[in-house]
PDB file of N, CA and C in Angstrom:
ATOM      1  N   MET A   1     168.868  87.566 -30.550  1.00  0.00           N
ATOM      2  CA  MET A   1     167.394  86.918 -30.652  1.00  0.00           C
ATOM      3  C   MET A   1     167.036  86.015 -30.004  1.00  0.00           C
ATOM      4  N   THR A   2     165.896  85.850 -29.429  1.00  0.00           N
ATOM      5  CA  THR A   2     165.142  84.342 -28.843  1.00  0.00           C
ATOM      6  C   THR A   2     165.065  83.158 -29.729  1.00  0.00           C
ATOM      7  N   VAL A   3     165.235  82.227 -29.310  1.00  0.00           N
ATOM      8  CA  VAL A   3     164.905  80.967 -29.618  1.00  0.00           C
ATOM      9  C   VAL A   3     164.687  80.271 -28.951  1.00  0.00           C
ATOM     10  N   TRP A   4     163.011  79.612 -28.952  1.00  0.00           N
ATOM     11  CA  TRP A   4     162.258  78.911 -28.627  1.00  0.00           C
ATOM     12  C   TRP A   4     162.531  77.406 -28.523  1.00  0.00           C
ATOM     13  N   TYR A   5     162.426  76.515 -27.739  1.00  0.00           N
ATOM     14  CA  TYR A   5     163.210  74.900 -28.118  1.00  0.00           C
ATOM     15  C   TYR A   5     162.243  73.980 -27.031  1.00  0.00           C
ATOM     16  N   ILE A   6     161.726  72.830 -27.618  1.00  0.00           N
ATOM     17  CA  ILE A   6     161.544  71.913 -26.916  1.00  0.00           C
ATOM     18  C   ILE A   6     161.968  71.370 -25.239  1.00  0.00           C
ATOM     19  N   GLU A   7     162.016  71.649 -24.617  1.00  0.00           N
ATOM     20  CA  GLU A   7     163.080  71.063 -23.420  1.00  0.00           C
ATOM     21  C   GLU A   7     163.144  69.553 -23.218  1.00  0.00           C
ATOM     22  N   ASN A   8     161.811  69.423 -22.964  1.00  0.00           N
ATOM     23  CA  ASN A   8     161.305  67.592 -22.943  1.00  0.00           C
ATOM     24  C   ASN A   8     160.323  67.799 -22.896  1.00  0.00           C
ATOM     25  N   ILE A   9     160.131  66.155 -22.986  1.00  0.00           N
ATOM     26  CA  ILE A   9     158.216  65.686 -23.587  1.00  0.00           C
ATOM     27  C   ILE A   9     158.266  64.864 -22.335  1.00  0.00           C
ATOM     28  N   VAL A  10     157.373  65.092 -21.917  1.00  0.00           N
ATOM     29  CA  VAL A  10     156.622  63.884 -21.168  1.00  0.00           C
ATOM     30  C   VAL A  10     155.465  63.220 -21.131  1.00  0.00           C
ATOM     31  N   PRO A  11     155.435  61.955 -21.307  1.00  0.00           N
ATOM     32  CA  PRO A  11     154.678  61.111 -21.764  1.00  0.00           C
ATOM     33  C   PRO A  11     153.735  60.519 -20.245  1.00  0.00           C
ATOM     34  N   TYR A  12     152.165  61.216 -20.666  1.00  0.00           N
ATOM     35  CA  TYR A  12     151.133  60.472 -19.428  1.00  0.00           C
ATOM     36  C   TYR A  12     150.455  59.101 -19.945  1.00  0.00           C
ATOM     37  N   GLU A  13     150.119  57.943 -19.350  1.00  0.00           N
ATOM     38  CA  GLU A  13     149.484  57.108 -20.121  1.00  0.00           C
ATOM     39  C   GLU A  13     148.619  55.836 -18.750  1.00  0.00           C
ATOM     40  N   GLY A  14     147.854  55.754 -19.538  1.00  0.00           N
ATOM     41  CA  GLY A  14     146.984  55.100 -18.432  1.00  0.00           C
ATOM     42  C   GLY A  14     145.395  54.903 -18.842  1.00  0.00           C
ATOM     43  N   MET A  15     144.827  54.570 -17.287  1.00  0.00           N
ATOM     44  CA  MET A  15     143.659  53.858 -17.853  1.00  0.00           C
ATOM     45  C   MET A  15     143.003  54.629 -16.818  1.00  0.00           C
ATOM     46  N   ILE A  16     141.511  55.240 -16.945  1.00  0.00           N
ATOM     47  CA  ILE A  16     141.194  55.506 -15.497  1.00  0.00           C
ATOM     48  C   ILE A  16     139.374  54.963 -15.825  1.00  0.00           C
ATOM     49  N   THR A  17     138.910  54.524 -14.669  1.00  0.00           N
ATOM     50  CA  THR A  17     138.005  53.725 -14.230  1.00  0.00           C
ATOM     51  C   THR A  17     137.185  54.644 -13.654  1.00  0.00           C
ATOM     52  N   LEU A  18     135.691  54.693 -14.470  1.00  0.00           N
ATOM     53  CA  LEU A  18     134.695  55.783 -13.863  1.00  0.00           C
ATOM     54  C   LEU A  18     133.551  54.597 -13.220  1.00  0.00           C
ATOM     55  N   ASP A  19     133.107  54.541 -12.254  1.00  0.00           N
ATOM     56  CA  ASP A  19     132.830  53.488 -11.822  1.00  0.00           C
ATOM     57  C   ASP A  19     131.241  53.828 -10.823  1.00  0.00           C
ATOM     58  N   THR A  20     131.171  55.435 -10.308  1.00  0.00           N
ATOM     59  CA  THR A  20     130.611  55.745  -9.881  1.00  0.00           C
ATOM     60  C   THR A  20     130.177  56.685 -10.328  1.00  0.00           C
ATOM     61  N   PRO A  21     128.384  57.022 -10.421  1.00  0.00           N
ATOM     62  CA  PRO A  21     128.444  58.270 -10.964  1.00  0.00           C
ATOM     63  C   PRO A  21     128.146  59.458 -10.175  1.00  0.00           C
ATOM     64  N   ASN A  22     128.505  60.427 -10.509  1.00  0.00           N
ATOM     65  CA  ASN A  22     128.592  62.159 -10.665  1.00  0.00           C
ATOM     66  C   ASN A  22     129.546  61.997  -9.712  1.00  0.00           C
ATOM     67  N   VAL A  23     130.797  61.521  -9.358  1.00  0.00           N
ATOM     68  CA  VAL A  23     132.269  61.789  -9.251  1.00  0.00           C
ATOM     69  C   VAL A  23     133.211  61.373 -10.025  1.00  0.00           C
ATOM     70  N   GLU A  24     133.133  63.155 -10.174  1.00  0.00           N
ATOM     71  CA  GLU A  24     134.803  63.831 -10.939  1.00  0.00           C
ATOM     72  C   GLU A  24     135.753  62.855 -10.902  1.00  0.00           C
ATOM     73  N   VAL A  25     136.075  62.450 -11.828  1.00  0.00           N
ATOM     74  CA  VAL A  25     137.610  61.595 -11.919  1.00  0.00           C
ATOM     75  C   VAL A  25     138.897  62.274 -12.519  1.00  0.00           C
ATOM     76  N   THR A  26     139.764  63.020 -11.766  1.00  0.00           N
ATOM     77  CA  THR A  26     140.988  63.748 -12.091  1.00  0.00           C
ATOM     78  C   THR A  26     141.884  62.777 -13.248  1.00  0.00           C
ATOM     79  N   VAL A  27     141.809  63.144 -14.711  1.00  0.00           N
ATOM     80  CA  VAL A  27     143.017  62.264 -15.352  1.00  0.00           C
ATOM     81  C   VAL A  27     143.974  62.756 -15.508  1.00  0.00           C
ATOM     82  N   ILE A  28     144.717  63.989 -15.482  1.00  0.00           N
ATOM     83  CA  ILE A  28     145.766  64.379 -15.105  1.00  0.00           C
ATOM     84  C   ILE A  28     145.701  65.865 -14.889  1.00  0.00           C
ATOM     85  N   GLU A  29     146.622  66.455 -13.870  1.00  0.00           N
ATOM     86  CA  GLU A  29     146.859  67.531 -13.050  1.00  0.00           C
ATOM     87  C   GLU A  29     148.301  68.083 -12.915  1.00  0.00           C
ATOM     88  N   LEU A  30     148.232  69.332 -13.772  1.00  0.00           N
ATOM     89  CA  LEU A  30     149.680  70.269 -13.833  1.00  0.00           C
ATOM     90  C   LEU A  30     149.643  71.601 -13.235  1.00  0.00           C
ATOM     91  N   THR A  31     150.508  71.097 -12.260  1.00  0.00           N
ATOM     92  CA  THR A  31     150.566  72.740 -11.527  1.00  0.00           C
ATOM     93  C   THR A  31     151.958  72.746 -10.868  1.00  0.00           C
ATOM     94  N   GLY A  32     152.545  74.072 -10.689  1.00  0.00           N
ATOM     95  CA  GLY A  32     153.703  73.852 -10.703  1.00  0.00           C
ATOM     96  C   GLY A  32     154.562  72.867 -11.692  1.00  0.00           C
ATOM     97  N   VAL A  33     154.325  73.082 -12.922  1.00  0.00           N
ATOM     98  CA  VAL A  33     155.218  73.132 -13.786  1.00  0.00           C
ATOM     99  C   VAL A  33     156.781  73.835 -14.307  1.00  0.00           C
ATOM    100  N   GLY A  34     156.369  74.682 -13.952  1.00  0.00           N
ATOM    101  CA  GLY A  34     157.988  76.083 -14.024  1.00  0.00           C
ATOM    102  C   GLY A  34     158.285  76.264 -14.963  1.00  0.00           C
ATOM    103  N   LYS A  35     157.651  75.887 -16.324  1.00  0.00           N
ATOM    104  CA  LYS A  35     158.247  76.456 -17.334  1.00  0.00           C
ATOM    105  C   LYS A  35     157.024  76.897 -18.605  1.00  0.00           C
ATOM    106  N   TYR A  36     157.410  77.679 -19.260  1.00  0.00           N
ATOM    107  CA  TYR A  36     156.365  77.122 -20.377  1.00  0.00           C
ATOM    108  C   TYR A  36     156.137  75.858 -20.799  1.00  0.00           C
ATOM    109  N   TYR A  37     154.603  75.487 -21.212  1.00  0.00           N
ATOM    110  CA  TYR A  37     154.178  74.467 -21.421  1.00  0.00           C
ATOM    111  C   TYR A  37     153.401  74.033 -22.274  1.00  0.00           C
ATOM    112  N   MET A  38     152.689  73.070 -23.225  1.00  0.00           N
ATOM    113  CA  MET A  38     151.487  72.417 -23.194  1.00  0.00           C
ATOM    114  C   MET A  38     151.186  71.127 -23.602  1.00  0.00           C
ATOM    115  N   ILE A  39     150.386  70.973 -23.322  1.00  0.00           N
ATOM    116  CA  ILE A  39     149.609  69.610 -23.166  1.00  0.00           C
ATOM    117  C   ILE A  39     148.918  69.545 -24.148  1.00  0.00           C
ATOM    118  N   THR A  40     148.607  68.037 -24.751  1.00  0.00           N
ATOM    119  CA  THR A  40     147.444  67.501 -25.831  1.00  0.00           C
ATOM    120  C   THR A  40     147.938  65.973 -25.881  1.00  0.00           C
ATOM    121  N   GLY A  41     146.966  65.730 -26.509  1.00  0.00           N
ATOM    122  CA  GLY A  41     146.922  63.754 -26.384  1.00  0.00           C
ATOM    123  C   GLY A  41     145.485  63.176 -26.817  1.00  0.00           C
ATOM    124  N   TYR A  42     145.456  62.127 -25.974  1.00  0.00           N
ATOM    125  CA  TYR A  42     143.958  61.605 -26.633  1.00  0.00           C
ATOM    126  C   TYR A  42     143.553  60.364 -25.416  1.00  0.00           C
ATOM    127  N   LEU A  43     142.143  60.699 -25.792  1.00  0.00           N
ATOM    128  CA  LEU A  43     141.709  59.660 -24.701  1.00  0.00           C
ATOM    129  C   LEU A  43     140.562  58.626 -25.962  1.00  0.00           C
ATOM    130  N   ASP A  44     140.188  57.205 -25.040  1.00  0.00           N
ATOM    131  CA  ASP A  44     139.535  56.511 -26.049  1.00  0.00           C
ATOM    132  C   ASP A  44     138.475  56.221 -25.471  1.00  0.00           C
ATOM    133  N   LEU A  45     137.267  55.861 -26.175  1.00  0.00           N
ATOM    134  CA  LEU A  45     136.349  56.201 -26.143  1.00  0.00           C
ATOM    135  C   LEU A  45     135.167  54.820 -26.510  1.00  0.00           C
ATOM    136  N   SER A  46     136.343  53.658 -26.853  1.00  0.00           N
ATOM    137  CA  SER A  46     135.226  52.594 -27.484  1.00  0.00           C
ATOM    138  C   SER A  46     134.980  51.678 -26.458  1.00  0.00           C
ATOM    139  N   ASN A  47     135.680  51.585 -24.742  1.00  0.00           N
ATOM    140  CA  ASN A  47     134.525  51.229 -24.221  1.00  0.00           C
ATOM    141  C   ASN A  47     133.002  51.779 -24.123  1.00  0.00           C
ATOM    142  N   MET A  48     132.772  52.898 -24.044  1.00  0.00           N
ATOM    143  CA  MET A  48     131.900  53.015 -24.048  1.00  0.00           C
ATOM    144  C   MET A  48     130.369  52.456 -24.227  1.00  0.00           C
ATOM    145  N   GLN A  49     129.056  52.052 -23.637  1.00  0.00           N
ATOM    146  CA  GLN A  49     128.358  51.586 -24.008  1.00  0.00           C
ATOM    147  C   GLN A  49     126.780  52.364 -24.532  1.00  0.00           C
ATOM    148  N   SER A  50     126.024  52.020 -24.916  1.00  0.00           N
ATOM    149  CA  SER A  50     124.910  52.778 -25.693  1.00  0.00           C
ATOM    150  C   SER A  50     124.259  53.321 -24.060  1.00  0.00           C
ATOM    151  N   ILE A  51     123.985  52.725 -22.930  1.00  0.00           N
ATOM    152  CA  ILE A  51     123.465  53.385 -21.450  1.00  0.00           C
ATOM    153  C   ILE A  51     124.418  54.177 -21.189  1.00  0.00           C
ATOM    154  N   ASN A  52     126.172  54.462 -21.556  1.00  0.00           N
ATOM    155  CA  ASN A  52     126.507  55.225 -21.157  1.00  0.00           C
ATOM    156  C   ASN A  52     126.519  56.713 -20.930  1.00  0.00           C
ATOM    157  N   GLU A  53     127.132  57.617 -20.291  1.00  0.00           N
ATOM    158  CA  GLU A  53     126.968  59.027 -20.514  1.00  0.00           C
ATOM    159  C   GLU A  53     128.252  59.799 -19.750  1.00  0.00           C
ATOM    160  N   ILE A  54     129.039  60.353 -20.225  1.00  0.00           N
ATOM    161  CA  ILE A  54     130.442  61.228 -20.042  1.00  0.00           C
ATOM    162  C   ILE A  54     129.945  62.386 -19.711  1.00  0.00           C
ATOM    163  N   ASN A  55     130.400  63.133 -18.970  1.00  0.00           N
ATOM    164  CA  ASN A  55     131.101  64.298 -18.920  1.00  0.00           C
ATOM    165  C   ASN A  55     132.518  64.321 -19.436  1.00  0.00           C
ATOM    166  N   MET A  56     133.262  65.138 -19.621  1.00  0.00           N
ATOM    167  CA  MET A  56     134.865  65.399 -20.072  1.00  0.00           C
ATOM    168  C   MET A  56     134.809  67.132 -19.620  1.00  0.00           C
ATOM    169  N   ARG A  57     135.706  67.464 -18.556  1.00  0.00           N
ATOM    170  CA  ARG A  57     136.127  68.962 -18.237  1.00  0.00           C
ATOM    171  C   ARG A  57     137.459  68.880 -18.291  1.00  0.00           C
ATOM    172  N   GLU A  58     137.671  70.462 -18.789  1.00  0.00           N
ATOM    173  CA  GLU A  58     139.447  70.890 -18.614  1.00  0.00           C
ATOM    174  C   GLU A  58     138.869  72.046 -17.704  1.00  0.00           C
ATOM    175  N   TYR A  59     139.600  71.873 -17.085  1.00  0.00           N
ATOM    176  CA  TYR A  59     140.100  73.704 -16.011  1.00  0.00           C
ATOM    177  C   TYR A  59     141.184  74.410 -16.049  1.00  0.00           C
ATOM    178  N   ILE A  60     141.242  75.756 -16.397  1.00  0.00           N
ATOM    179  CA  ILE A  60     142.614  76.350 -16.485  1.00  0.00           C
ATOM    180  C   ILE A  60     142.730  77.353 -15.119  1.00  0.00           C
ATOM    181  N   ASP A  61     143.771  77.400 -14.409  1.00  0.00           N
ATOM    182  CA  ASP A  61     144.213  78.245 -13.344  1.00  0.00           C
ATOM    183  C   ASP A  61     145.234  79.552 -14.026  1.00  0.00           C
ATOM    184  N   LEU A  62     144.739  80.321 -14.561  1.00  0.00           N
ATOM    185  CA  LEU A  62     145.858  81.223 -15.073  1.00  0.00           C
ATOM    186  C   LEU A  62     146.717  82.347 -13.937  1.00  0.00           C
ATOM    187  N   GLY A  63     147.217  81.367 -13.363  1.00  0.00           N
ATOM    188  CA  GLY A  63     148.018  81.792 -12.109  1.00  0.00           C
ATOM    189  C   GLY A  63     147.737  82.904 -10.815  1.00  0.00           C
ATOM    190  N   GLY A  64     146.471  82.267 -10.466  1.00  0.00           N
ATOM    191  CA  GLY A  64     145.500  83.580  -9.457  1.00  0.00           C
ATOM    192  C   GLY A  64     145.229  82.461  -8.331  1.00  0.00           C
ATOM    193  N   GLY A  65     145.459  81.448  -8.985  1.00  0.00           N
ATOM    194  CA  GLY A  65     145.387  79.948  -7.466  1.00  0.00           C
ATOM    195  C   GLY A  65     143.814  79.575  -7.791  1.00  0.00           C
ATOM    196  N   VAL A  66     143.287  79.797  -8.243  1.00  0.00           N
ATOM    197  CA  VAL A  66     141.850  79.176  -8.492  1.00  0.00           C
ATOM    198  C   VAL A  66     141.267  78.481 -10.097  1.00  0.00           C
ATOM    199  N   TYR A  67     141.139  77.316 -10.024  1.00  0.00           N
ATOM    200  CA  TYR A  67     140.482  76.429 -11.030  1.00  0.00           C
ATOM    201  C   TYR A  67     139.368  77.339 -12.021  1.00  0.00           C
ATOM    202  N   LYS A  68     139.482  77.687 -12.842  1.00  0.00           N
ATOM    203  CA  LYS A  68     137.908  77.880 -13.746  1.00  0.00           C
ATOM    204  C   LYS A  68     137.948  76.784 -14.864  1.00  0.00           C
ATOM    205  N   LYS A  69     135.985  76.357 -14.954  1.00  0.00           N
ATOM    206  CA  LYS A  69     136.267  75.865 -15.967  1.00  0.00           C
ATOM    207  C   LYS A  69     136.215  76.258 -17.220  1.00  0.00           C
ATOM    208  N   TYR A  70     137.004  75.400 -17.850  1.00  0.00           N
ATOM    209  CA  TYR A  70     137.437  75.623 -19.569  1.00  0.00           C
ATOM    210  C   TYR A  70     136.206  75.153 -20.382  1.00  0.00           C
ATOM    211  N   LEU A  71     136.035  74.177 -20.949  1.00  0.00           N
ATOM    212  CA  LEU A  71     135.169  73.481 -21.391  1.00  0.00           C
ATOM    213  C   LEU A  71     134.787  72.046 -20.908  1.00  0.00           C
ATOM    214  N   THR A  72     133.270  72.051 -21.204  1.00  0.00           N
ATOM    215  CA  THR A  72     132.908  70.749 -20.821  1.00  0.00           C
ATOM    216  C   THR A  72     132.263  69.896 -22.559  1.00  0.00           C
ATOM    217  N   TYR A  73     132.852  68.655 -22.551  1.00  0.00           N
ATOM    218  CA  TYR A  73     131.903  67.891 -23.717  1.00  0.00           C
ATOM    219  C   TYR A  73     131.227  66.616 -23.155  1.00  0.00           C
ATOM    220  N   LYS A  74     130.531  66.598 -23.698  1.00  0.00           N
ATOM    221  CA  LYS A  74     129.316  65.531 -23.227  1.00  0.00           C
ATOM    222  C   LYS A  74     129.454  64.506 -24.491  1.00  0.00           C
ATOM    223  N   TYR A  75     129.741  63.021 -23.923  1.00  0.00           N
ATOM    224  CA  TYR A  75     129.115  62.199 -24.628  1.00  0.00           C
ATOM    225  C   TYR A  75     128.491  61.043 -24.292  1.00  0.00           C
ATOM    226  N   ARG A  76     127.434  60.391 -25.350  1.00  0.00           N
ATOM    227  CA  ARG A  76     126.546  59.926 -25.133  1.00  0.00           C
ATOM    228  C   ARG A  76     126.385  58.185 -25.840  1.00  0.00           C
ATOM    229  N   GLY A  77     126.835  56.895 -25.260  1.00  0.00           N
ATOM    230  CA  GLY A  77     126.329  56.434 -25.616  1.00  0.00           C
ATOM    231  C   GLY A  77     127.603  55.328 -26.657  1.00  0.00           C
ATOM    232  N   GLU A  78     127.121  54.422 -27.659  1.00  0.00           N
ATOM    233  CA  GLU A  78     128.889  54.168 -28.481  1.00  0.00           C
ATOM    234  C   GLU A  78     129.174  55.282 -28.901  1.00  0.00           C
ATOM    235  N   GLN A  79     130.507  55.266 -29.414  1.00  0.00           N
ATOM    236  CA  GLN A  79     131.237  56.635 -29.830  1.00  0.00           C
ATOM    237  C   GLN A  79     131.245  55.589 -31.632  1.00  0.00           C
ATOM    238  N   LEU A  80     131.156  56.440 -32.859  1.00  0.00           N
ATOM    239  CA  LEU A  80     130.775  55.829 -34.251  1.00  0.00           C
ATOM    240  C   LEU A  80     132.567  56.902 -34.203  1.00  0.00           C
ATOM    241  N   ASP A  81     133.004  57.419 -33.659  1.00  0.00           N
ATOM    242  CA  ASP A  81     135.172  57.698 -33.903  1.00  0.00           C
ATOM    243  C   ASP A  81     135.577  58.179 -32.180  1.00  0.00           C
ATOM    244  N   PRO A  82     135.379  56.918 -31.882  1.00  0.00           N
ATOM    245  CA  PRO A  82     135.567  57.178 -30.489  1.00  0.00           C
ATOM    246  C   PRO A  82     137.051  57.458 -30.002  1.00  0.00           C
ATOM    247  N   ILE A  83     138.408  58.109 -30.665  1.00  0.00           N
ATOM    248  CA  ILE A  83     139.270  58.369 -30.663  1.00  0.00           C
ATOM    249  C   ILE A  83     139.062  60.133 -30.409  1.00  0.00           C
ATOM    250  N   ILE A  84     139.612  60.752 -29.025  1.00  0.00           N
ATOM    251  CA  ILE A  84     139.461  62.454 -28.905  1.00  0.00           C
ATOM    252  C   ILE A  84     140.645  62.944 -28.570  1.00  0.00           C
ATOM    253  N   MET A  85     140.880  63.694 -29.367  1.00  0.00           N
ATOM    254  CA  MET A  85     141.715  64.530 -29.255  1.00  0.00           C
ATOM    255  C   MET A  85     142.025  66.032 -27.934  1.00  0.00           C
ATOM    256  N   LEU A  86     142.310  65.913 -27.609  1.00  0.00           N
ATOM    257  CA  LEU A  86     142.557  67.036 -26.568  1.00  0.00           C
ATOM    258  C   LEU A  86     143.328  68.165 -27.483  1.00  0.00           C
ATOM    259  N   THR A  87     142.654  69.457 -27.584  1.00  0.00           N
ATOM    260  CA  THR A  87     143.383  70.401 -28.727  1.00  0.00           C
ATOM    261  C   THR A  87     144.242  71.098 -27.916  1.00  0.00           C
ATOM    262  N   PRO A  88     145.686  71.138 -28.519  1.00  0.00           N
ATOM    263  CA  PRO A  88     147.082  71.337 -27.154  1.00  0.00           C
ATOM    264  C   PRO A  88     145.789  73.425 -26.968  1.00  0.00           C
ATOM    265  N   LYS A  89     147.283  72.901 -25.390  1.00  0.00           N
ATOM    266  CA  LYS A  89     146.480  74.285 -25.026  1.00  0.00           C
ATOM    267  C   LYS A  89     148.229  74.414 -24.097  1.00  0.00           C
ATOM    268  N   TYR A  90     148.456  76.210 -24.571  1.00  0.00           N
ATOM    269  CA  TYR A  90     149.528  76.545 -23.840  1.00  0.00           C
ATOM    270  C   TYR A  90     149.895  77.285 -22.338  1.00  0.00           C
ATOM    271  N   PHE A  91     150.668  77.074 -21.892  1.00  0.00           N
ATOM    272  CA  PHE A  91     150.584  77.825 -20.561  1.00  0.00           C
ATOM    273  C   PHE A  91     151.590  78.181 -20.507  1.00  0.00           C
ATOM    274  N   THR A  92     151.712  79.180 -19.484  1.00  0.00           N
ATOM    275  CA  THR A  92     153.333  79.906 -18.783  1.00  0.00           C
ATOM    276  C   THR A  92     153.228  79.344 -17.491  1.00  0.00           C
ATOM    277  N   PRO A  93     154.280  79.447 -16.944  1.00  0.00           N
ATOM    278  CA  PRO A  93     154.997  78.587 -15.808  1.00  0.00           C
ATOM    279  C   PRO A  93     154.337  78.768 -15.239  1.00  0.00           C
ATOM    280  N   ASN A  94     153.045  80.066 -14.506  1.00  0.00           N
ATOM    281  CA  ASN A  94     152.639  79.698 -13.483  1.00  0.00           C
ATOM    282  C   ASN A  94     151.154  79.650 -13.405  1.00  0.00           C
ATOM    283  N   ASP A  95     150.750  78.932 -14.454  1.00  0.00           N
ATOM    284  CA  ASP A  95     149.457  78.464 -15.273  1.00  0.00           C
ATOM    285  C   ASP A  95     149.212  77.069 -14.514  1.00  0.00           C
ATOM    286  N   ASN A  96     147.951  76.881 -14.486  1.00  0.00           N
ATOM    287  CA  ASN A  96     148.171  74.964 -13.892  1.00  0.00           C
ATOM    288  C   ASN A  96     146.768  75.076 -14.774  1.00  0.00           C
ATOM    289  N   TYR A  97     146.490  73.477 -14.939  1.00  0.00           N
ATOM    290  CA  TYR A  97     145.669  72.710 -15.753  1.00  0.00           C
ATOM    291  C   TYR A  97     145.421  71.625 -15.448  1.00  0.00           C
ATOM    292  N   LYS A  98     144.117  71.184 -15.340  1.00  0.00           N
ATOM    293  CA  LYS A  98     143.021  70.316 -15.021  1.00  0.00           C
ATOM    294  C   LYS A  98     142.568  69.635 -15.957  1.00  0.00           C
ATOM    295  N   LEU A  99     142.045  67.884 -16.318  1.00  0.00           N
ATOM    296  CA  LEU A  99     141.479  67.653 -17.043  1.00  0.00           C
ATOM    297  C   LEU A  99     140.513  66.114 -16.363  1.00  0.00           C
ATOM    298  N   THR A 100     139.243  66.529 -15.941  1.00  0.00           N
ATOM    299  CA  THR A 100     138.307  65.482 -15.524  1.00  0.00           C
ATOM    300  C   THR A 100     137.640  64.114 -16.841  1.00  0.00           C
ATOM    301  N   LEU A 101     136.639  63.522 -15.942  1.00  0.00           N
ATOM    302  CA  LEU A 101     136.173  62.601 -16.367  1.00  0.00           C
ATOM    303  C   LEU A 101     135.250  62.392 -15.380  1.00  0.00           C
ATOM    304  N   THR A 102     133.578  62.389 -15.984  1.00  0.00           N
ATOM    305  CA  THR A 102     132.247  62.071 -14.695  1.00  0.00           C
ATOM    306  C   THR A 102     131.683  61.342 -15.270  1.00  0.00           C
ATOM    307  N   LEU A 103     131.175  59.707 -14.867  1.00  0.00           N
ATOM    308  CA  LEU A 103     130.011  59.084 -15.530  1.00  0.00           C
ATOM    309  C   LEU A 103     128.732  59.410 -15.295  1.00  0.00           C
ATOM    310  N   LEU A 104     128.281  59.781 -15.779  1.00  0.00           N
ATOM    311  CA  LEU A 104     126.499  59.979 -15.527  1.00  0.00           C
ATOM    312  C   LEU A 104     125.703  59.320 -15.967  1.00  0.00           C
ATOM    313  N   THR A 105     125.274  58.407 -16.203  1.00  0.00           N
ATOM    314  CA  THR A 105     124.668  57.504 -16.392  1.00  0.00           C
ATOM    315  C   THR A 105     125.488  55.976 -16.694  1.00  0.00           C
ATOM    316  N   GLY A 106     124.693  54.926 -16.493  1.00  0.00           N
ATOM    317  CA  GLY A 106     125.398  53.766 -17.274  1.00  0.00           C
ATOM    318  C   GLY A 106     126.694  52.582 -16.383  1.00  0.00           C
ATOM    319  N   THR A 107     126.932  51.690 -16.503  1.00  0.00           N
ATOM    320  CA  THR A 107     128.130  51.117 -16.041  1.00  0.00           C
ATOM    321  C   THR A 107     129.464  51.215 -15.993  1.00  0.00           C
ATOM    322  N   SER A 108     130.125  50.283 -15.525  1.00  0.00           N
ATOM    323  CA  SER A 108     131.556  50.548 -15.192  1.00  0.00           C
ATOM    324  C   SER A 108     132.139  50.796 -16.412  1.00  0.00           C
ATOM    325  N   LEU A 109     133.208  52.309 -16.667  1.00  0.00           N
ATOM    326  CA  LEU A 109     133.815  51.707 -17.810  1.00  0.00           C
ATOM    327  C   LEU A 109     134.921  52.369 -17.861  1.00  0.00           C
ATOM    328  N   GLN A 110     135.974  52.036 -18.234  1.00  0.00           N
ATOM    329  CA  GLN A 110     137.223  52.126 -18.769  1.00  0.00           C
ATOM    330  C   GLN A 110     137.634  53.063 -19.609  1.00  0.00           C
ATOM    331  N   ILE A 111     138.684  54.178 -19.735  1.00  0.00           N
ATOM    332  CA  ILE A 111     138.846  55.147 -20.442  1.00  0.00           C
ATOM    333  C   ILE A 111     140.587  54.964 -20.337  1.00  0.00           C
ATOM    334  N   PRO A 112     141.322  54.466 -21.306  1.00  0.00           N
ATOM    335  CA  PRO A 112     142.654  54.480 -21.931  1.00  0.00           C
ATOM    336  C   PRO A 112     142.707  55.853 -22.350  1.00  0.00           C
ATOM    337  N   TYR A 113     143.876  56.330 -21.945  1.00  0.00           N
ATOM    338  CA  TYR A 113     144.179  58.153 -22.501  1.00  0.00           C
ATOM    339  C   TYR A 113     146.063  57.467 -22.689  1.00  0.00           C
ATOM    340  N   LYS A 114     146.018  59.175 -23.720  1.00  0.00           N
ATOM    341  CA  LYS A 114     147.701  58.773 -23.833  1.00  0.00           C
ATOM    342  C   LYS A 114     147.868  60.721 -24.014  1.00  0.00           C
ATOM    343  N   LEU A 115     148.802  60.990 -23.087  1.00  0.00           N
ATOM    344  CA  LEU A 115     148.609  62.788 -23.127  1.00  0.00           C
ATOM    345  C   LEU A 115     149.959  62.998 -23.493  1.00  0.00           C
ATOM    346  N   LEU A 116     150.583  63.998 -23.804  1.00  0.00           N
ATOM    347  CA  LEU A 116     152.047  64.459 -23.626  1.00  0.00           C
ATOM    348  C   LEU A 116     152.365  66.116 -23.123  1.00  0.00           C
ATOM    349  N   LEU A 117     153.138  65.974 -22.685  1.00  0.00           N
ATOM    350  CA  LEU A 117     154.040  67.505 -21.685  1.00  0.00           C
ATOM    351  C   LEU A 117     155.116  67.817 -22.534  1.00  0.00           C
ATOM    352  N   PHE A 118     154.671  68.842 -23.164  1.00  0.00           N
ATOM    353  CA  PHE A 118     155.615  69.274 -23.639  1.00  0.00           C
ATOM    354  C   PHE A 118     156.223  70.973 -23.071  1.00  0.00           C
ATOM    355  N   LYS A 119     157.506  70.599 -22.491  1.00  0.00           N
ATOM    356  CA  LYS A 119     157.941  71.430 -21.821  1.00  0.00           C
ATOM    357  C   LYS A 119     159.074  72.797 -22.712  1.00  0.00           C
ATOM    358  N   TYR A 120     158.906  73.851 -22.756  1.00  0.00           N
ATOM    359  CA  TYR A 120     160.157  74.706 -23.985  1.00  0.00           C
ATOM    360  C   TYR A 120     160.889  75.303 -22.811  1.00  0.00           C
ATOM    361  N   ASN A 121     161.841  75.805 -23.340  1.00  0.00           N
ATOM    362  CA  ASN A 121     162.832  77.015 -23.184  1.00  0.00           C
ATOM    363  C   ASN A 121     162.803  77.809 -24.287  1.00  0.00           C
ATOM    364  N   TYR A 122     163.890  78.615 -23.889  1.00  0.00           N
ATOM    365  CA  TYR A 122     164.888  78.993 -24.194  1.00  0.00           C
ATOM    366  C   TYR A 122     165.628  80.028 -24.640  1.00  0.00           C
ATOM    367  N   ARG A 123     166.764  80.946 -25.667  1.00  0.00           N
ATOM    368  CA  ARG A 123     168.194  80.694 -24.950  1.00  0.00           C
ATOM    369  C   ARG A 123     168.314  82.015 -26.382  1.00  0.00           C
ATOM    370  N   GLU A 124     169.170  82.458 -25.906  1.00  0.00           N
ATOM    371  CA  GLU A 124     169.434  83.809 -27.103  1.00  0.00           C
ATOM    372  C   GLU A 124     170.702  83.410 -27.817  1.00  0.00           C
ATOM    373  N   VAL A 125     170.297  83.909 -29.250  1.00  0.00           N
ATOM    374  CA  VAL A 125     171.606  83.602 -30.245  1.00  0.00           C
ATOM    375  C   VAL A 125     171.911  84.877 -30.977  1.00  0.00           C
TER     376      VAL A 125
END
């Protein structure tokens, strides 16, 4: 019987600064992970002001060497619920993932993030 387990958890924490309109900024790009993996985490939009508008985009490459847009989320103004969860996404060893943010309108903005990369392995028992 095959038993899957979490081999490693890699945290990614930081702050993204968006200061130039219409420039897509990469928060995280996972390539060549070499294991089955899952990515999840949070972004904090507490610093958004009424004049700010941003796009959050997720891209996936299912092993073909080309990213394709998975989802685009648009956020405008002050956020009543500022914590955004990235829903967990599961990938095979050859898949790639990228998360980006783009300032569309407004003033410079800093967005804190905390993401977790779960690497999986398996063994026969």
